Amino acid sequence: MKADIHPTYHPCVFVDGDHEIVTRSTRTSEEKRDIDGVEHHVIRVDISGYSHPFWTGRQKVMDAAGRIERFKNKYKGQGKKK
């Protein structure tokens, strides 16, 4: 294995509104916070597992039938030719 090719990991906290995910990352920021005596980089995110519509159940139901019909109409007659 080659030496010195791996990125440096730093302690960080990803903040999504009221939720915080304490982990390690290669990302850094100017804003820092002390958590349990360890300095963590604070990275603010717009969407995480706590707020993503798929995981919260607030996902919009798409009109699958309409999309299928548009696809069929768009590619009508372009199938395999014998």
N, C-alpha and C. Protein backbone atom coordinates (compact mmCIF):
# COMPACT_ATOMS: atom_id res chain seq x y z
N MET A 1 0.84 -1.17 0.00
CA MET A 1 0.00 0.00 0.00
C MET A 1 0.89 1.24 0.00
N LYS A 2 0.57 2.21 -0.82
CA LYS A 2 1.37 3.43 -0.90
C LYS A 2 1.16 4.29 0.34
N ALA A 3 2.23 4.92 0.78
CA ALA A 3 2.16 5.80 1.94
C ALA A 3 1.73 7.20 1.52
N ASP A 4 1.09 7.90 2.41
CA ASP A 4 0.71 9.31 2.23
C ASP A 4 -0.23 9.57 1.07
N ILE A 5 -1.10 8.61 0.72
CA ILE A 5 -2.07 8.88 -0.34
C ILE A 5 -3.49 9.01 0.20
N HIS A 6 -3.68 8.66 1.48
CA HIS A 6 -5.01 8.71 2.06
C HIS A 6 -5.30 10.09 2.62
N PRO A 7 -6.54 10.56 2.51
CA PRO A 7 -6.88 11.88 3.03
C PRO A 7 -6.84 11.89 4.56
N THR A 8 -6.70 13.06 5.11
CA THR A 8 -6.67 13.24 6.55
C THR A 8 -8.10 13.39 7.07
N TYR A 9 -8.45 12.58 8.06
CA TYR A 9 -9.77 12.66 8.66
C TYR A 9 -9.72 13.55 9.89
N HIS A 10 -10.77 14.35 10.06
CA HIS A 10 -10.88 15.27 11.19
C HIS A 10 -12.19 15.00 11.92
N PRO A 11 -12.22 15.20 13.24
CA PRO A 11 -13.50 15.10 13.94
C PRO A 11 -14.41 16.23 13.46
N CYS A 12 -15.67 15.91 13.21
CA CYS A 12 -16.59 16.95 12.76
C CYS A 12 -17.99 16.65 13.26
N VAL A 13 -18.82 17.66 13.22
CA VAL A 13 -20.22 17.52 13.57
C VAL A 13 -21.04 18.13 12.44
N PHE A 14 -21.91 17.31 11.84
CA PHE A 14 -22.80 17.79 10.79
C PHE A 14 -24.08 18.28 11.47
N VAL A 15 -24.49 19.51 11.18
CA VAL A 15 -25.64 20.11 11.84
C VAL A 15 -26.75 20.30 10.81
N ASP A 16 -27.93 19.73 11.13
CA ASP A 16 -29.12 19.87 10.29
C ASP A 16 -30.25 20.34 11.19
N GLY A 17 -30.41 21.64 11.29
CA GLY A 17 -31.44 22.19 12.17
C GLY A 17 -31.15 21.85 13.62
N ASP A 18 -32.05 21.09 14.24
CA ASP A 18 -31.87 20.71 15.64
C ASP A 18 -31.07 19.42 15.80
N HIS A 19 -30.78 18.74 14.71
CA HIS A 19 -30.10 17.46 14.76
C HIS A 19 -28.61 17.62 14.48
N GLU A 20 -27.82 16.83 15.19
CA GLU A 20 -26.37 16.85 15.00
C GLU A 20 -25.85 15.43 14.85
N ILE A 21 -24.94 15.24 13.91
CA ILE A 21 -24.32 13.94 13.67
C ILE A 21 -22.82 14.12 13.92
N VAL A 22 -22.32 13.50 14.97
CA VAL A 22 -20.91 13.60 15.32
C VAL A 22 -20.18 12.43 14.67
N THR A 23 -19.17 12.75 13.86
CA THR A 23 -18.46 11.71 13.12
C THR A 23 -17.07 12.23 12.76
N ARG A 24 -16.44 11.61 11.78
CA ARG A 24 -15.17 12.09 11.23
C ARG A 24 -15.35 12.30 9.74
N SER A 25 -14.59 13.24 9.18
CA SER A 25 -14.73 13.53 7.76
C SER A 25 -13.45 14.17 7.25
N THR A 26 -13.31 14.17 5.92
CA THR A 26 -12.19 14.89 5.31
C THR A 26 -12.51 16.37 5.16
N ARG A 27 -13.79 16.73 5.32
CA ARG A 27 -14.20 18.14 5.21
C ARG A 27 -13.83 18.88 6.48
N THR A 28 -13.55 20.16 6.32
CA THR A 28 -13.25 21.02 7.46
C THR A 28 -14.04 22.31 7.32
N SER A 29 -14.03 23.09 8.37
CA SER A 29 -14.68 24.40 8.33
C SER A 29 -13.97 25.33 9.29
N GLU A 30 -14.26 26.61 9.16
CA GLU A 30 -13.68 27.60 10.06
C GLU A 30 -14.36 27.53 11.43
N GLU A 31 -15.65 27.20 11.43
CA GLU A 31 -16.40 27.12 12.69
C GLU A 31 -16.05 25.82 13.39
N LYS A 32 -15.73 25.92 14.69
CA LYS A 32 -15.36 24.73 15.45
C LYS A 32 -16.13 24.73 16.77
N ARG A 33 -16.30 23.52 17.32
CA ARG A 33 -17.01 23.36 18.59
C ARG A 33 -16.30 22.28 19.39
N ASP A 34 -16.22 22.49 20.70
CA ASP A 34 -15.60 21.52 21.58
C ASP A 34 -16.66 20.54 22.06
N ILE A 35 -16.48 19.24 21.76
CA ILE A 35 -17.40 18.19 22.18
C ILE A 35 -16.59 17.15 22.94
N ASP A 36 -16.91 16.99 24.21
CA ASP A 36 -16.21 16.03 25.09
C ASP A 36 -14.70 16.24 25.08
N GLY A 37 -14.27 17.49 25.06
CA GLY A 37 -12.86 17.81 25.11
C GLY A 37 -12.13 17.69 23.78
N VAL A 38 -12.85 17.41 22.71
CA VAL A 38 -12.24 17.29 21.39
C VAL A 38 -12.81 18.39 20.49
N GLU A 39 -11.94 19.10 19.79
CA GLU A 39 -12.38 20.16 18.89
C GLU A 39 -12.89 19.56 17.58
N HIS A 40 -14.16 19.84 17.25
CA HIS A 40 -14.80 19.32 16.04
C HIS A 40 -15.08 20.47 15.07
N HIS A 41 -14.92 20.20 13.78
CA HIS A 41 -15.31 21.16 12.75
C HIS A 41 -16.84 21.09 12.62
N VAL A 42 -17.50 22.23 12.54
CA VAL A 42 -18.95 22.28 12.40
C VAL A 42 -19.29 22.47 10.93
N ILE A 43 -20.04 21.52 10.36
CA ILE A 43 -20.44 21.59 8.96
C ILE A 43 -21.95 21.60 8.91
N ARG A 44 -22.52 22.68 8.42
CA ARG A 44 -23.97 22.82 8.35
C ARG A 44 -24.46 22.25 7.02
N VAL A 45 -25.50 21.41 7.09
CA VAL A 45 -26.06 20.78 5.89
C VAL A 45 -27.54 21.12 5.78
N ASP A 46 -28.05 21.15 4.56
CA ASP A 46 -29.46 21.45 4.31
C ASP A 46 -30.33 20.21 4.51
N ILE A 47 -29.82 19.06 4.11
CA ILE A 47 -30.60 17.83 4.16
C ILE A 47 -29.73 16.72 4.73
N SER A 48 -30.30 15.98 5.67
CA SER A 48 -29.63 14.80 6.21
C SER A 48 -30.68 13.70 6.35
N GLY A 49 -30.31 12.59 6.96
CA GLY A 49 -31.26 11.51 7.18
C GLY A 49 -32.41 11.93 8.08
N TYR A 50 -32.21 12.98 8.89
CA TYR A 50 -33.26 13.46 9.78
C TYR A 50 -34.31 14.30 9.05
N SER A 51 -33.93 14.93 7.95
CA SER A 51 -34.86 15.85 7.28
C SER A 51 -35.18 15.47 5.83
N HIS A 52 -34.55 14.45 5.28
CA HIS A 52 -34.80 14.08 3.89
C HIS A 52 -36.22 13.54 3.74
N PRO A 53 -36.96 14.01 2.74
CA PRO A 53 -38.36 13.59 2.56
C PRO A 53 -38.55 12.09 2.46
N PHE A 54 -37.60 11.37 1.90
CA PHE A 54 -37.74 9.92 1.78
C PHE A 54 -37.78 9.26 3.15
N TRP A 55 -36.93 9.72 4.05
CA TRP A 55 -36.82 9.09 5.37
C TRP A 55 -37.86 9.62 6.34
N THR A 56 -38.40 10.79 6.11
CA THR A 56 -39.37 11.36 7.05
C THR A 56 -40.80 11.00 6.67
N GLY A 57 -41.03 10.46 5.48
CA GLY A 57 -42.37 10.09 5.06
C GLY A 57 -43.13 11.24 4.44
N ARG A 58 -42.47 12.36 4.19
CA ARG A 58 -43.14 13.51 3.58
C ARG A 58 -42.85 13.59 2.09
N GLN A 59 -42.52 12.46 1.50
CA GLN A 59 -42.20 12.40 0.08
C GLN A 59 -43.47 12.56 -0.76
N LYS A 60 -43.36 13.30 -1.84
CA LYS A 60 -44.49 13.46 -2.76
C LYS A 60 -44.65 12.20 -3.59
N VAL A 61 -45.87 11.79 -3.81
CA VAL A 61 -46.14 10.63 -4.65
C VAL A 61 -46.17 11.11 -6.10
N MET A 62 -45.34 10.50 -6.90
CA MET A 62 -45.25 10.91 -8.30
C MET A 62 -46.34 10.22 -9.12
N ASP A 63 -46.73 10.84 -10.20
CA ASP A 63 -47.73 10.29 -11.10
C ASP A 63 -47.05 9.29 -12.01
N ALA A 64 -46.91 8.06 -11.53
CA ALA A 64 -46.19 7.03 -12.29
C ALA A 64 -46.92 6.70 -13.59
N ALA A 65 -48.24 6.62 -13.54
CA ALA A 65 -48.99 6.26 -14.75
C ALA A 65 -48.78 7.31 -15.83
N GLY A 66 -48.80 8.56 -15.47
CA GLY A 66 -48.58 9.63 -16.44
C GLY A 66 -47.20 9.58 -17.06
N ARG A 67 -46.21 9.27 -16.25
CA ARG A 67 -44.84 9.19 -16.77
C ARG A 67 -44.69 8.01 -17.72
N ILE A 68 -45.33 6.90 -17.40
CA ILE A 68 -45.24 5.72 -18.27
C ILE A 68 -45.91 6.00 -19.61
N GLU A 69 -47.07 6.64 -19.58
CA GLU A 69 -47.77 6.98 -20.83
C GLU A 69 -46.93 7.94 -21.67
N ARG A 70 -46.32 8.94 -21.07
CA ARG A 70 -45.47 9.89 -21.82
C ARG A 70 -44.30 9.15 -22.44
N PHE A 71 -43.70 8.21 -21.70
CA PHE A 71 -42.58 7.43 -22.24
C PHE A 71 -43.02 6.61 -23.44
N LYS A 72 -44.17 5.93 -23.32
CA LYS A 72 -44.67 5.11 -24.42
C LYS A 72 -44.98 5.96 -25.64
N ASN A 73 -45.60 7.12 -25.43
CA ASN A 73 -45.92 8.01 -26.55
C ASN A 73 -44.64 8.55 -27.21
N LYS A 74 -43.65 8.86 -26.42
CA LYS A 74 -42.41 9.42 -26.95
C LYS A 74 -41.68 8.41 -27.83
N TYR A 75 -41.69 7.14 -27.43
CA TYR A 75 -40.93 6.14 -28.15
C TYR A 75 -41.81 5.18 -28.94
N LYS A 76 -43.02 5.60 -29.24
CA LYS A 76 -43.95 4.79 -30.03
C LYS A 76 -43.37 4.52 -31.41
N GLY A 77 -43.37 3.28 -31.81
CA GLY A 77 -42.92 2.95 -33.16
C GLY A 77 -41.41 2.86 -33.31
N GLN A 78 -40.67 3.00 -32.24
CA GLN A 78 -39.20 2.93 -32.34
C GLN A 78 -38.69 1.61 -31.80
N GLY A 79 -39.54 0.62 -31.68
CA GLY A 79 -39.15 -0.69 -31.15
C GLY A 79 -38.35 -1.47 -32.17
N LYS A 80 -38.17 -2.75 -31.89
CA LYS A 80 -37.43 -3.63 -32.78
C LYS A 80 -38.18 -3.83 -34.08
N LYS A 81 -37.46 -3.81 -35.17
CA LYS A 81 -38.07 -4.04 -36.48
C LYS A 81 -37.66 -5.41 -36.96
N LYS A 82 -38.61 -6.14 -37.48
CA LYS A 82 -38.32 -7.51 -37.93
C LYS A 82 -38.05 -7.54 -39.40
